[in-house]
Amino acid sequence: MDEIIFVVEEAPEGGYSARALGAPIFTEADDLELLQNEIRDAVLCHFDDEAERPHIVRLHYVRDELLAV
């Protein structure tokens, strides 16, 4: 696996959550800088074997936005 993609969203209770697509990895943090560190740690823990570990972690930020009509 060359790359893993995480969907990053604001959590309803505050902070941010991130879940990987195609791998059972989920993490959360109070701010985006901490979230990036948590994602790195989660990827390193999930992929023990360095040969299987992705070289690129892509973050896809999703933001809900409401429009009044």
C-alpha atoms as a PDB file:
ATOM      1  CA  MET A   1       0.000   0.000   0.000  1.00  0.00           C
ATOM      2  CA  ASP A   2       1.550   3.277  -1.100  1.00  0.00           C
ATOM      3  CA  GLU A   3      -1.078   5.592   0.356  1.00  0.00           C
ATOM      4  CA  ILE A   4      -3.820   5.658   2.971  1.00  0.00           C
ATOM      5  CA  ILE A   5      -6.636   8.210   3.039  1.00  0.00           C
ATOM      6  CA  PHE A   6      -8.252   9.577   6.192  1.00  0.00           C
ATOM      7  CA  VAL A   7     -11.563  11.428   6.262  1.00  0.00           C
ATOM      8  CA  VAL A   8     -11.258  14.273   8.784  1.00  0.00           C
ATOM      9  CA  GLU A   9     -14.384  15.840  10.263  1.00  0.00           C
ATOM     10  CA  GLU A  10     -15.239  18.193  13.094  1.00  0.00           C
ATOM     11  CA  ALA A  11     -16.678  16.170  15.961  1.00  0.00           C
ATOM     12  CA  PRO A  12     -20.123  17.262  17.247  1.00  0.00           C
ATOM     13  CA  GLU A  13     -18.780  17.428  20.822  1.00  0.00           C
ATOM     14  CA  GLY A  14     -15.768  19.499  19.741  1.00  0.00           C
ATOM     15  CA  GLY A  15     -12.389  18.663  18.288  1.00  0.00           C
ATOM     16  CA  TYR A  16     -11.808  16.501  15.237  1.00  0.00           C
ATOM     17  CA  SER A  17     -12.083  12.862  14.257  1.00  0.00           C
ATOM     18  CA  ALA A  18     -10.336  10.934  11.496  1.00  0.00           C
ATOM     19  CA  ARG A  19     -11.143   7.533  10.020  1.00  0.00           C
ATOM     20  CA  ALA A  20      -9.171   5.641   7.441  1.00  0.00           C
ATOM     21  CA  LEU A  21     -10.716   4.392   4.228  1.00  0.00           C
ATOM     22  CA  GLY A  22      -9.917   0.731   3.668  1.00  0.00           C
ATOM     23  CA  ALA A  23      -8.396   0.108   7.097  1.00  0.00           C
ATOM     24  CA  PRO A  24      -9.962  -0.093  10.573  1.00  0.00           C
ATOM     25  CA  ILE A  25      -8.192   2.981  11.962  1.00  0.00           C
ATOM     26  CA  PHE A  26      -9.985   5.740  13.887  1.00  0.00           C
ATOM     27  CA  THR A  27      -8.605   8.529  16.050  1.00  0.00           C
ATOM     28  CA  GLU A  28      -9.596  11.913  17.431  1.00  0.00           C
ATOM     29  CA  ALA A  29      -8.029  15.009  18.973  1.00  0.00           C
ATOM     30  CA  ASP A  30      -8.853  18.507  20.205  1.00  0.00           C
ATOM     31  CA  ASP A  31      -7.121  20.356  17.353  1.00  0.00           C
ATOM     32  CA  LEU A  32      -5.763  19.639  13.882  1.00  0.00           C
ATOM     33  CA  GLU A  33      -2.102  19.635  14.876  1.00  0.00           C
ATOM     34  CA  LEU A  34      -2.727  17.019  17.568  1.00  0.00           C
ATOM     35  CA  LEU A  35      -4.911  15.053  15.158  1.00  0.00           C
ATOM     36  CA  GLN A  36      -2.065  14.800  12.652  1.00  0.00           C
ATOM     37  CA  ASN A  37       0.186  13.394  15.376  1.00  0.00           C
ATOM     38  CA  GLU A  38      -2.531  10.932  16.438  1.00  0.00           C
ATOM     39  CA  ILE A  39      -2.970   9.798  12.821  1.00  0.00           C
ATOM     40  CA  ARG A  40       0.774   9.184  12.465  1.00  0.00           C
ATOM     41  CA  ASP A  41       0.807   7.156  15.685  1.00  0.00           C
ATOM     42  CA  ALA A  42      -2.276   5.177  14.672  1.00  0.00           C
ATOM     43  CA  VAL A  43      -0.787   4.291  11.272  1.00  0.00           C
ATOM     44  CA  LEU A  44       2.503   3.212  12.857  1.00  0.00           C
ATOM     45  CA  CYS A  45       0.646   1.035  15.389  1.00  0.00           C
ATOM     46  CA  HIS A  46      -1.695  -0.497  12.803  1.00  0.00           C
ATOM     47  CA  PHE A  47       1.032  -1.379  10.305  1.00  0.00           C
ATOM     48  CA  ASP A  48       3.669  -3.136  12.413  1.00  0.00           C
ATOM     49  CA  ASP A  49       5.447  -4.432   9.326  1.00  0.00           C
ATOM     50  CA  GLU A  50       7.337  -1.553   7.716  1.00  0.00           C
ATOM     51  CA  ALA A  51       6.995  -3.186   4.284  1.00  0.00           C
ATOM     52  CA  GLU A  52       3.179  -2.966   4.533  1.00  0.00           C
ATOM     53  CA  ARG A  53       3.104   0.571   5.938  1.00  0.00           C
ATOM     54  CA  PRO A  54       1.862   3.263   3.520  1.00  0.00           C
ATOM     55  CA  HIS A  55       4.378   5.925   2.539  1.00  0.00           C
ATOM     56  CA  ILE A  56       1.789   8.676   2.150  1.00  0.00           C
ATOM     57  CA  VAL A  57      -1.076   9.641   4.448  1.00  0.00           C
ATOM     58  CA  ARG A  58      -3.647  11.794   2.681  1.00  0.00           C
ATOM     59  CA  LEU A  59      -6.127  13.804   4.753  1.00  0.00           C
ATOM     60  CA  HIS A  60      -9.498  14.582   3.204  1.00  0.00           C
ATOM     61  CA  TYR A  61     -11.189  17.369   5.167  1.00  0.00           C
ATOM     62  CA  VAL A  62     -14.991  17.266   5.171  1.00  0.00           C
ATOM     63  CA  ARG A  63     -16.976  20.234   6.410  1.00  0.00           C
ATOM     64  CA  ASP A  64     -20.716  20.421   6.775  1.00  0.00           C
ATOM     65  CA  GLU A  65     -22.151  23.720   5.717  1.00  0.00           C
ATOM     66  CA  LEU A  66     -25.778  24.784   5.889  1.00  0.00           C
ATOM     67  CA  LEU A  67     -27.389  27.286   3.563  1.00  0.00           C
ATOM     68  CA  ALA A  68     -30.629  29.079   4.372  1.00  0.00           C
ATOM     69  CA  VAL A  69     -33.144  28.978   1.526  1.00  0.00           C
END
